[in-house]
PDB file of N, CA and C in Angstrom:
ATOM      1  N   UNK A   1      -7.189  -0.436   8.409  1.00  0.00           N
ATOM      2  CA  UNK A   1      -7.205   0.535   7.284  1.00  0.00           C
ATOM      3  C   UNK A   1      -7.168  -0.286   6.084  1.00  0.00           C
ATOM      4  N   UNK A   2      -7.680  -0.095   5.015  1.00  0.00           N
ATOM      5  CA  UNK A   2      -7.530  -0.594   3.620  1.00  0.00           C
ATOM      6  C   UNK A   2      -6.481  -0.131   2.871  1.00  0.00           C
ATOM      7  N   UNK A   3      -5.756  -0.807   2.372  1.00  0.00           N
ATOM      8  CA  UNK A   3      -4.482  -0.389   1.367  1.00  0.00           C
ATOM      9  C   UNK A   3      -4.691  -1.402   0.116  1.00  0.00           C
ATOM     10  N   UNK A   4      -3.923  -0.727  -0.620  1.00  0.00           N
ATOM     11  CA  UNK A   4      -3.865  -1.635  -2.079  1.00  0.00           C
ATOM     12  C   UNK A   4      -2.404  -1.119  -2.753  1.00  0.00           C
ATOM     13  N   UNK A   5      -2.278  -1.487  -4.166  1.00  0.00           N
ATOM     14  CA  UNK A   5      -1.321  -1.065  -4.842  1.00  0.00           C
ATOM     15  C   UNK A   5      -1.230   0.349  -5.305  1.00  0.00           C
ATOM     16  N   UNK A   6      -2.360   1.154  -5.021  1.00  0.00           N
ATOM     17  CA  UNK A   6      -2.556   2.625  -5.210  1.00  0.00           C
ATOM     18  C   UNK A   6      -2.047   3.314  -3.785  1.00  0.00           C
ATOM     19  N   UNK A   7      -1.774   2.636  -2.773  1.00  0.00           N
ATOM     20  CA  UNK A   7      -1.285   3.286  -1.591  1.00  0.00           C
ATOM     21  C   UNK A   7       0.387   3.437  -1.716  1.00  0.00           C
ATOM     22  N   UNK A   8       0.666   4.763  -1.977  1.00  0.00           N
ATOM     23  CA  UNK A   8       2.147   4.985  -2.067  1.00  0.00           C
ATOM     24  C   UNK A   8       2.454   6.406  -1.323  1.00  0.00           C
ATOM     25  N   UNK A   9       3.616   6.547  -1.229  1.00  0.00           N
ATOM     26  CA  UNK A   9       4.106   8.249  -0.776  1.00  0.00           C
ATOM     27  C   UNK A   9       3.809   8.300   0.636  1.00  0.00           C
ATOM     28  N   UNK A  10       3.010   9.355   0.822  1.00  0.00           N
ATOM     29  CA  UNK A  10       2.337   9.514   2.258  1.00  0.00           C
ATOM     30  C   UNK A  10       1.538   8.575   2.737  1.00  0.00           C
ATOM     31  N   UNK A  11       0.747   7.840   2.061  1.00  0.00           N
ATOM     32  CA  UNK A  11      -0.125   6.893   2.542  1.00  0.00           C
ATOM     33  C   UNK A  11       0.828   5.612   3.040  1.00  0.00           C
ATOM     34  N   UNK A  12       1.816   5.416   2.429  1.00  0.00           N
ATOM     35  CA  UNK A  12       2.763   4.149   2.883  1.00  0.00           C
ATOM     36  C   UNK A  12       3.430   4.652   4.292  1.00  0.00           C
ATOM     37  N   UNK A  13       3.752   6.049   4.267  1.00  0.00           N
ATOM     38  CA  UNK A  13       4.448   6.518   5.445  1.00  0.00           C
ATOM     39  C   UNK A  13       3.561   6.343   6.823  1.00  0.00           C
ATOM     40  N   UNK A  14       2.145   6.825   6.213  1.00  0.00           N
ATOM     41  CA  UNK A  14       1.129   6.624   7.371  1.00  0.00           C
ATOM     42  C   UNK A  14       0.731   5.341   7.955  1.00  0.00           C
ATOM     43  N   UNK A  15       1.058   4.246   6.949  1.00  0.00           N
ATOM     44  CA  UNK A  15       1.002   2.790   7.199  1.00  0.00           C
ATOM     45  C   UNK A  15       2.114   2.481   8.246  1.00  0.00           C
ATOM     46  N   UNK A  16       3.322   2.803   8.092  1.00  0.00           N
ATOM     47  CA  UNK A  16       4.336   2.790   8.740  1.00  0.00           C
ATOM     48  C   UNK A  16       3.965   2.977  10.357  1.00  0.00           C
ATOM     49  N   UNK A  17       3.563   4.316  10.528  1.00  0.00           N
ATOM     50  CA  UNK A  17       3.145   4.991  11.950  1.00  0.00           C
ATOM     51  C   UNK A  17       1.796   4.197  12.420  1.00  0.00           C
ATOM     52  N   UNK A  18       0.897   3.913  11.677  1.00  0.00           N
ATOM     53  CA  UNK A  18      -0.238   3.142  11.914  1.00  0.00           C
ATOM     54  C   UNK A  18       0.142   1.736  12.513  1.00  0.00           C
ATOM     55  N   UNK A  19       1.038   1.200  11.980  1.00  0.00           N
ATOM     56  CA  UNK A  19       1.445  -0.285  12.406  1.00  0.00           C
ATOM     57  C   UNK A  19       2.377   0.036  13.617  1.00  0.00           C
ATOM     58  N   UNK A  20       3.276   0.693  13.510  1.00  0.00           N
ATOM     59  CA  UNK A  20       4.338   0.928  14.692  1.00  0.00           C
ATOM     60  C   UNK A  20       3.535   1.222  15.913  1.00  0.00           C
ATOM     61  N   UNK A  21       2.449   2.085  15.874  1.00  0.00           N
ATOM     62  CA  UNK A  21       1.849   2.415  16.920  1.00  0.00           C
ATOM     63  C   UNK A  21       0.646   1.595  17.325  1.00  0.00           C
ATOM     64  N   UNK A  22       0.492   0.535  16.604  1.00  0.00           N
ATOM     65  CA  UNK A  22      -0.365  -0.653  16.845  1.00  0.00           C
ATOM     66  C   UNK A  22      -1.752  -0.024  16.980  1.00  0.00           C
ATOM     67  N   UNK A  23      -2.167   0.844  15.842  1.00  0.00           N
ATOM     68  CA  UNK A  23      -3.542   1.292  15.900  1.00  0.00           C
ATOM     69  C   UNK A  23      -4.699   0.424  15.250  1.00  0.00           C
ATOM     70  N   UNK A  24      -4.077  -0.677  14.631  1.00  0.00           N
ATOM     71  CA  UNK A  24      -5.067  -1.501  13.925  1.00  0.00           C
ATOM     72  C   UNK A  24      -4.267  -2.273  12.797  1.00  0.00           C
ATOM     73  N   UNK A  25      -5.078  -2.927  11.954  1.00  0.00           N
ATOM     74  CA  UNK A  25      -4.495  -3.984  10.938  1.00  0.00           C
ATOM     75  C   UNK A  25      -4.734  -3.164   9.604  1.00  0.00           C
ATOM     76  N   UNK A  26      -3.749  -3.565   8.835  1.00  0.00           N
ATOM     77  CA  UNK A  26      -3.983  -3.362   7.187  1.00  0.00           C
ATOM     78  C   UNK A  26      -4.865  -4.342   6.643  1.00  0.00           C
ATOM     79  N   UNK A  27      -5.586  -4.074   5.780  1.00  0.00           N
ATOM     80  CA  UNK A  27      -6.633  -5.000   5.323  1.00  0.00           C
ATOM     81  C   UNK A  27      -6.420  -4.538   3.631  1.00  0.00           C
ATOM     82  N   UNK A  28      -6.336  -5.657   2.807  1.00  0.00           N
ATOM     83  CA  UNK A  28      -6.409  -5.405   1.460  1.00  0.00           C
ATOM     84  C   UNK A  28      -5.219  -6.100   0.589  1.00  0.00           C
ATOM     85  N   UNK A  29      -4.478  -5.231  -0.203  1.00  0.00           N
ATOM     86  CA  UNK A  29      -3.495  -5.899  -1.119  1.00  0.00           C
ATOM     87  C   UNK A  29      -2.223  -5.228  -0.798  1.00  0.00           C
ATOM     88  N   UNK A  30      -1.132  -5.670  -1.098  1.00  0.00           N
ATOM     89  CA  UNK A  30       0.275  -5.116  -0.874  1.00  0.00           C
ATOM     90  C   UNK A  30       0.201  -3.421  -1.400  1.00  0.00           C
ATOM     91  N   UNK A  31       0.965  -2.786  -0.689  1.00  0.00           N
ATOM     92  CA  UNK A  31       1.110  -1.287  -1.169  1.00  0.00           C
ATOM     93  C   UNK A  31       2.232  -1.316  -2.199  1.00  0.00           C
ATOM     94  N   UNK A  32       2.390  -0.007  -2.902  1.00  0.00           N
ATOM     95  CA  UNK A  32       3.118   0.092  -4.027  1.00  0.00           C
ATOM     96  C   UNK A  32       4.656   0.067  -3.737  1.00  0.00           C
ATOM     97  N   UNK A  33       4.896   0.399  -2.581  1.00  0.00           N
ATOM     98  CA  UNK A  33       6.532   0.406  -2.170  1.00  0.00           C
ATOM     99  C   UNK A  33       7.258   1.574  -2.870  1.00  0.00           C
ATOM    100  N   UNK A  34       6.557   2.724  -2.858  1.00  0.00           N
ATOM    101  CA  UNK A  34       7.328   3.707  -3.497  1.00  0.00           C
ATOM    102  C   UNK A  34       7.009   4.926  -2.585  1.00  0.00           C
ATOM    103  N   UNK A  35       8.023   5.937  -2.414  1.00  0.00           N
ATOM    104  CA  UNK A  35       8.013   7.024  -1.788  1.00  0.00           C
ATOM    105  C   UNK A  35       7.058   8.265  -2.226  1.00  0.00           C
ATOM    106  N   UNK A  36       7.115   8.103  -3.623  1.00  0.00           N
ATOM    107  CA  UNK A  36       6.480   9.282  -4.313  1.00  0.00           C
ATOM    108  C   UNK A  36       7.144  10.410  -4.622  1.00  0.00           C
ATOM    109  N   UNK A  37       8.422  10.208  -4.226  1.00  0.00           N
ATOM    110  CA  UNK A  37       9.474  11.346  -4.400  1.00  0.00           C
ATOM    111  C   UNK A  37      10.573  11.056  -5.528  1.00  0.00           C
ATOM    112  N   UNK A  38      10.114  11.146  -6.577  1.00  0.00           N
ATOM    113  CA  UNK A  38      11.104  10.467  -7.648  1.00  0.00           C
ATOM    114  C   UNK A  38      12.088  11.699  -8.285  1.00  0.00           C
ATOM    115  N   UNK A  39      13.055  11.195  -8.792  1.00  0.00           N
ATOM    116  CA  UNK A  39      13.918  12.051  -9.678  1.00  0.00           C
ATOM    117  C   UNK A  39      13.473  11.781 -11.022  1.00  0.00           C
ATOM    118  N   UNK A  40      13.282  12.856 -11.653  1.00  0.00           N
ATOM    119  CA  UNK A  40      12.766  12.267 -13.290  1.00  0.00           C
ATOM    120  C   UNK A  40      13.714  12.753 -14.051  1.00  0.00           C
ATOM    121  N   UNK A  41      13.985  11.793 -15.217  1.00  0.00           N
ATOM    122  CA  UNK A  41      15.072  11.697 -16.251  1.00  0.00           C
ATOM    123  C   UNK A  41      14.201  11.850 -17.610  1.00  0.00           C
ATOM    124  N   UNK A  42      14.427  12.562 -18.428  1.00  0.00           N
ATOM    125  CA  UNK A  42      13.922  12.442 -19.671  1.00  0.00           C
ATOM    126  C   UNK A  42      14.836  11.563 -20.742  1.00  0.00           C
ATOM    127  N   UNK A  43      14.339  10.868 -21.393  1.00  0.00           N
ATOM    128  CA  UNK A  43      14.909  10.073 -22.183  1.00  0.00           C
ATOM    129  C   UNK A  43      14.537  10.075 -23.782  1.00  0.00           C
ATOM    130  N   UNK A  44      15.353   9.627 -24.823  1.00  0.00           N
ATOM    131  CA  UNK A  44      15.076   9.889 -26.102  1.00  0.00           C
ATOM    132  C   UNK A  44      13.575   9.332 -26.422  1.00  0.00           C
ATOM    133  N   UNK A  45      13.036  10.052 -27.461  1.00  0.00           N
ATOM    134  CA  UNK A  45      11.565   9.545 -27.713  1.00  0.00           C
ATOM    135  C   UNK A  45      10.637   9.795 -26.815  1.00  0.00           C
ATOM    136  N   UNK A  46      10.717  10.633 -25.784  1.00  0.00           N
ATOM    137  CA  UNK A  46       9.542  11.200 -24.858  1.00  0.00           C
ATOM    138  C   UNK A  46       9.407  10.288 -23.829  1.00  0.00           C
ATOM    139  N   UNK A  47      10.417   9.315 -23.661  1.00  0.00           N
ATOM    140  CA  UNK A  47      10.275   8.316 -22.386  1.00  0.00           C
ATOM    141  C   UNK A  47      10.823   8.948 -21.251  1.00  0.00           C
ATOM    142  N   UNK A  48      10.181   8.615 -20.241  1.00  0.00           N
ATOM    143  CA  UNK A  48      10.782   8.986 -18.768  1.00  0.00           C
ATOM    144  C   UNK A  48      11.329   7.826 -17.915  1.00  0.00           C
ATOM    145  N   UNK A  49      12.245   8.122 -17.134  1.00  0.00           N
ATOM    146  CA  UNK A  49      12.538   7.442 -15.932  1.00  0.00           C
ATOM    147  C   UNK A  49      12.247   8.075 -14.712  1.00  0.00           C
ATOM    148  N   UNK A  50      11.767   7.550 -13.758  1.00  0.00           N
ATOM    149  CA  UNK A  50      11.502   8.079 -12.460  1.00  0.00           C
ATOM    150  C   UNK A  50      12.330   6.866 -11.424  1.00  0.00           C
ATOM    151  N   UNK A  51      13.171   7.567 -10.641  1.00  0.00           N
ATOM    152  CA  UNK A  51      13.919   6.968  -9.713  1.00  0.00           C
ATOM    153  C   UNK A  51      13.673   7.443  -8.393  1.00  0.00           C
ATOM    154  N   UNK A  52      13.374   6.325  -7.501  1.00  0.00           N
ATOM    155  CA  UNK A  52      12.965   6.970  -6.021  1.00  0.00           C
ATOM    156  C   UNK A  52      14.279   7.676  -5.397  1.00  0.00           C
ATOM    157  N   UNK A  53      14.042   8.701  -4.736  1.00  0.00           N
ATOM    158  CA  UNK A  53      15.072   9.664  -4.312  1.00  0.00           C
ATOM    159  C   UNK A  53      14.961   9.673  -2.785  1.00  0.00           C
ATOM    160  N   UNK A  54      14.147   9.010  -2.161  1.00  0.00           N
ATOM    161  CA  UNK A  54      13.946   9.199  -0.728  1.00  0.00           C
ATOM    162  C   UNK A  54      14.004   7.727  -0.116  1.00  0.00           C
ATOM    163  N   UNK A  55      14.796   7.646   0.957  1.00  0.00           N
ATOM    164  CA  UNK A  55      14.697   6.175   1.796  1.00  0.00           C
ATOM    165  C   UNK A  55      13.972   6.257   2.934  1.00  0.00           C
ATOM    166  N   UNK A  56      12.619   5.374   2.956  1.00  0.00           N
ATOM    167  CA  UNK A  56      11.836   5.283   4.098  1.00  0.00           C
ATOM    168  C   UNK A  56      11.982   3.800   4.573  1.00  0.00           C
ATOM    169  N   UNK A  57      11.631   3.751   5.772  1.00  0.00           N
ATOM    170  CA  UNK A  57      11.645   2.373   6.416  1.00  0.00           C
ATOM    171  C   UNK A  57      10.969   2.462   7.682  1.00  0.00           C
ATOM    172  N   UNK A  58      10.753   1.119   8.268  1.00  0.00           N
ATOM    173  CA  UNK A  58      10.119   1.025   9.584  1.00  0.00           C
ATOM    174  C   UNK A  58      11.250   1.337  10.640  1.00  0.00           C
ATOM    175  N   UNK A  59      10.701   1.626  11.735  1.00  0.00           N
ATOM    176  CA  UNK A  59      11.531   2.030  12.906  1.00  0.00           C
ATOM    177  C   UNK A  59      12.568   1.162  13.256  1.00  0.00           C
ATOM    178  N   UNK A  60      12.398  -0.213  12.837  1.00  0.00           N
ATOM    179  CA  UNK A  60      13.141  -1.295  13.047  1.00  0.00           C
ATOM    180  C   UNK A  60      14.427  -1.402  12.070  1.00  0.00           C
ATOM    181  N   UNK A  61      14.048  -0.662  10.890  1.00  0.00           N
ATOM    182  CA  UNK A  61      15.032  -0.775   9.844  1.00  0.00           C
ATOM    183  C   UNK A  61      14.598  -1.539   8.651  1.00  0.00           C
ATOM    184  N   UNK A  62      13.435  -2.116   8.807  1.00  0.00           N
ATOM    185  CA  UNK A  62      12.701  -3.006   7.706  1.00  0.00           C
ATOM    186  C   UNK A  62      12.280  -1.898   6.676  1.00  0.00           C
ATOM    187  N   UNK A  63      12.858  -2.399   5.429  1.00  0.00           N
ATOM    188  CA  UNK A  63      12.526  -1.529   4.448  1.00  0.00           C
ATOM    189  C   UNK A  63      11.166  -1.870   3.518  1.00  0.00           C
ATOM    190  N   UNK A  64      10.482  -0.972   2.738  1.00  0.00           N
ATOM    191  CA  UNK A  64       9.359  -1.248   2.179  1.00  0.00           C
ATOM    192  C   UNK A  64       9.430  -0.818   0.624  1.00  0.00           C
ATOM    193  N   UNK A  65      10.543   0.132   0.574  1.00  0.00           N
ATOM    194  CA  UNK A  65      10.530   0.643  -0.882  1.00  0.00           C
ATOM    195  C   UNK A  65      11.031  -0.211  -1.759  1.00  0.00           C
ATOM    196  N   UNK A  66      10.180  -0.514  -2.874  1.00  0.00           N
ATOM    197  CA  UNK A  66      10.481  -1.395  -3.719  1.00  0.00           C
ATOM    198  C   UNK A  66      10.074  -2.646  -3.534  1.00  0.00           C
ATOM    199  N   UNK A  67       9.542  -2.792  -2.173  1.00  0.00           N
ATOM    200  CA  UNK A  67       8.703  -4.109  -1.892  1.00  0.00           C
ATOM    201  C   UNK A  67       7.198  -3.879  -1.634  1.00  0.00           C
ATOM    202  N   UNK A  68       7.086  -2.837  -1.135  1.00  0.00           N
ATOM    203  CA  UNK A  68       5.529  -2.742  -0.493  1.00  0.00           C
ATOM    204  C   UNK A  68       5.322  -3.189   0.839  1.00  0.00           C
ATOM    205  N   UNK A  69       4.319  -2.786   1.337  1.00  0.00           N
ATOM    206  CA  UNK A  69       3.850  -3.318   2.753  1.00  0.00           C
ATOM    207  C   UNK A  69       2.775  -4.281   2.538  1.00  0.00           C
ATOM    208  N   UNK A  70       2.964  -5.390   3.181  1.00  0.00           N
ATOM    209  CA  UNK A  70       2.277  -6.485   3.156  1.00  0.00           C
ATOM    210  C   UNK A  70       1.162  -6.277   4.241  1.00  0.00           C
ATOM    211  N   UNK A  71      -0.195  -6.313   3.905  1.00  0.00           N
ATOM    212  CA  UNK A  71      -1.116  -6.294   5.017  1.00  0.00           C
ATOM    213  C   UNK A  71      -1.344  -7.485   5.867  1.00  0.00           C
ATOM    214  N   UNK A  72      -1.822  -7.157   7.159  1.00  0.00           N
ATOM    215  CA  UNK A  72      -2.131  -8.084   7.922  1.00  0.00           C
ATOM    216  C   UNK A  72      -3.050  -9.015   7.498  1.00  0.00           C
ATOM    217  N   UNK A  73      -4.100  -8.553   6.801  1.00  0.00           N
ATOM    218  CA  UNK A  73      -4.941  -9.421   6.192  1.00  0.00           C
ATOM    219  C   UNK A  73      -5.386  -9.327   4.645  1.00  0.00           C
ATOM    220  N   UNK A  74      -4.562 -10.192   3.825  1.00  0.00           N
ATOM    221  CA  UNK A  74      -4.544 -10.081   2.386  1.00  0.00           C
ATOM    222  C   UNK A  74      -6.056 -10.358   1.786  1.00  0.00           C
ATOM    223  N   UNK A  75      -6.318  -9.539   0.856  1.00  0.00           N
ATOM    224  CA  UNK A  75      -7.521  -9.915   0.314  1.00  0.00           C
ATOM    225  C   UNK A  75      -7.236  -9.704  -1.233  1.00  0.00           C
ATOM    226  N   UNK A  76      -7.544 -10.793  -1.940  1.00  0.00           N
ATOM    227  CA  UNK A  76      -7.451 -10.980  -3.446  1.00  0.00           C
ATOM    228  C   UNK A  76      -8.825 -10.401  -3.962  1.00  0.00           C
ATOM    229  N   UNK A  77      -8.594  -9.520  -4.955  1.00  0.00           N
ATOM    230  CA  UNK A  77      -9.914  -9.063  -5.846  1.00  0.00           C
ATOM    231  C   UNK A  77     -10.296 -10.212  -6.857  1.00  0.00           C
ATOM    232  N   UNK A  78     -11.421 -10.819  -6.811  1.00  0.00           N
ATOM    233  CA  UNK A  78     -11.762 -11.648  -7.797  1.00  0.00           C
ATOM    234  C   UNK A  78     -12.656 -11.178  -9.113  1.00  0.00           C
ATOM    235  N   UNK A  79     -12.563 -11.753  -9.911  1.00  0.00           N
ATOM    236  CA  UNK A  79     -13.425 -11.178 -11.416  1.00  0.00           C
ATOM    237  C   UNK A  79     -14.763 -11.067 -10.887  1.00  0.00           C
ATOM    238  N   UNK A  80     -15.361 -12.109  -9.992  1.00  0.00           N
ATOM    239  CA  UNK A  80     -16.666 -12.113  -9.387  1.00  0.00           C
ATOM    240  C   UNK A  80     -17.026 -10.658  -8.723  1.00  0.00           C
ATOM    241  N   UNK A  81     -15.873 -10.230  -7.920  1.00  0.00           N
ATOM    242  CA  UNK A  81     -16.100  -9.169  -7.171  1.00  0.00           C
ATOM    243  C   UNK A  81     -16.271  -7.823  -7.984  1.00  0.00           C
ATOM    244  N   UNK A  82     -15.395  -7.761  -9.095  1.00  0.00           N
ATOM    245  CA  UNK A  82     -15.399  -6.777 -10.182  1.00  0.00           C
ATOM    246  C   UNK A  82     -16.900  -6.845 -10.737  1.00  0.00           C
ATOM    247  N   UNK A  83     -17.365  -7.994 -11.137  1.00  0.00           N
ATOM    248  CA  UNK A  83     -18.550  -8.071 -11.953  1.00  0.00           C
ATOM    249  C   UNK A  83     -19.758  -7.389 -11.027  1.00  0.00           C
ATOM    250  N   UNK A  84     -19.580  -7.970  -9.806  1.00  0.00           N
ATOM    251  CA  UNK A  84     -20.597  -7.637  -8.845  1.00  0.00           C
ATOM    252  C   UNK A  84     -20.554  -6.181  -8.223  1.00  0.00           C
ATOM    253  N   UNK A  85     -19.673  -5.465  -8.581  1.00  0.00           N
ATOM    254  CA  UNK A  85     -19.116  -4.148  -7.979  1.00  0.00           C
ATOM    255  C   UNK A  85     -19.017  -4.218  -6.570  1.00  0.00           C
ATOM    256  N   UNK A  86     -18.217  -5.505  -5.974  1.00  0.00           N
ATOM    257  CA  UNK A  86     -18.166  -5.506  -4.776  1.00  0.00           C
ATOM    258  C   UNK A  86     -16.781  -5.265  -4.099  1.00  0.00           C
ATOM    259  N   UNK A  87     -16.582  -4.562  -3.161  1.00  0.00           N
ATOM    260  CA  UNK A  87     -15.287  -4.310  -2.484  1.00  0.00           C
ATOM    261  C   UNK A  87     -15.011  -5.329  -1.508  1.00  0.00           C
ATOM    262  N   UNK A  88     -14.258  -6.343  -1.798  1.00  0.00           N
ATOM    263  CA  UNK A  88     -13.746  -7.475  -0.838  1.00  0.00           C
ATOM    264  C   UNK A  88     -13.080  -7.054   0.310  1.00  0.00           C
ATOM    265  N   UNK A  89     -12.158  -6.094   0.043  1.00  0.00           N
ATOM    266  CA  UNK A  89     -11.518  -5.396   1.290  1.00  0.00           C
ATOM    267  C   UNK A  89     -12.348  -4.904   2.089  1.00  0.00           C
ATOM    268  N   UNK A  90     -13.237  -3.877   1.756  1.00  0.00           N
ATOM    269  CA  UNK A  90     -14.224  -3.232   2.617  1.00  0.00           C
ATOM    270  C   UNK A  90     -15.253  -4.201   3.333  1.00  0.00           C
ATOM    271  N   UNK A  91     -15.637  -5.273   2.606  1.00  0.00           N
ATOM    272  CA  UNK A  91     -16.444  -6.277   3.397  1.00  0.00           C
ATOM    273  C   UNK A  91     -15.625  -6.929   4.469  1.00  0.00           C
ATOM    274  N   UNK A  92     -14.412  -7.076   4.416  1.00  0.00           N
ATOM    275  CA  UNK A  92     -13.552  -7.933   5.319  1.00  0.00           C
ATOM    276  C   UNK A  92     -13.319  -6.847   6.365  1.00  0.00           C
ATOM    277  N   UNK A  93     -13.134  -5.558   6.103  1.00  0.00           N
ATOM    278  CA  UNK A  93     -12.743  -4.639   7.179  1.00  0.00           C
ATOM    279  C   UNK A  93     -13.951  -4.345   7.906  1.00  0.00           C
ATOM    280  N   UNK A  94     -15.124  -4.292   7.465  1.00  0.00           N
ATOM    281  CA  UNK A  94     -16.419  -4.104   8.234  1.00  0.00           C
ATOM    282  C   UNK A  94     -16.792  -5.465   9.142  1.00  0.00           C
ATOM    283  N   UNK A  95     -16.490  -6.522   8.545  1.00  0.00           N
ATOM    284  CA  UNK A  95     -16.674  -7.570   9.431  1.00  0.00           C
ATOM    285  C   UNK A  95     -15.720  -7.715  10.501  1.00  0.00           C
ATOM    286  N   UNK A  96     -14.362  -7.448  10.216  1.00  0.00           N
ATOM    287  CA  UNK A  96     -13.503  -7.246  11.372  1.00  0.00           C
ATOM    288  C   UNK A  96     -13.502  -6.461  12.433  1.00  0.00           C
ATOM    289  N   UNK A  97     -14.308  -5.290  12.057  1.00  0.00           N
ATOM    290  CA  UNK A  97     -14.826  -4.506  12.914  1.00  0.00           C
ATOM    291  C   UNK A  97     -15.901  -4.657  13.964  1.00  0.00           C
ATOM    292  N   UNK A  98     -16.756  -5.287  13.074  1.00  0.00           N
ATOM    293  CA  UNK A  98     -18.105  -6.037  13.673  1.00  0.00           C
ATOM    294  C   UNK A  98     -17.905  -7.050  14.819  1.00  0.00           C
ATOM    295  N   UNK A  99     -16.693  -7.942  14.497  1.00  0.00           N
ATOM    296  CA  UNK A  99     -16.319  -8.783  15.360  1.00  0.00           C
ATOM    297  C   UNK A  99     -15.600  -8.581  16.740  1.00  0.00           C
ATOM    298  N   UNK A 100     -15.563  -7.161  16.889  1.00  0.00           N
ATOM    299  CA  UNK A 100     -14.854  -6.698  18.024  1.00  0.00           C
ATOM    300  C   UNK A 100     -15.852  -6.114  19.099  1.00  0.00           C
TER     301      UNK A 100
END
């Protein structure tokens, strides 16, 4: 499964189940580390504060809120990838599947 910093909330919960059930590998960049269940406080001058209101963790007690979930295969996006409109994580995921 391909993940990155835009993977949060239910996506991270899904990652926990995916890894726990040993359904495959996570490929890409570390997840966001947020439940997506914030309590929102208004501050002066139109500012907002969002505080995580839900505690999620792996079955063994390992926490990921505030840290993110590190993929099994980390893929760094390079400037060249962006210029060439290439998804390095997708390329590695396809290669990983092809090798099986």
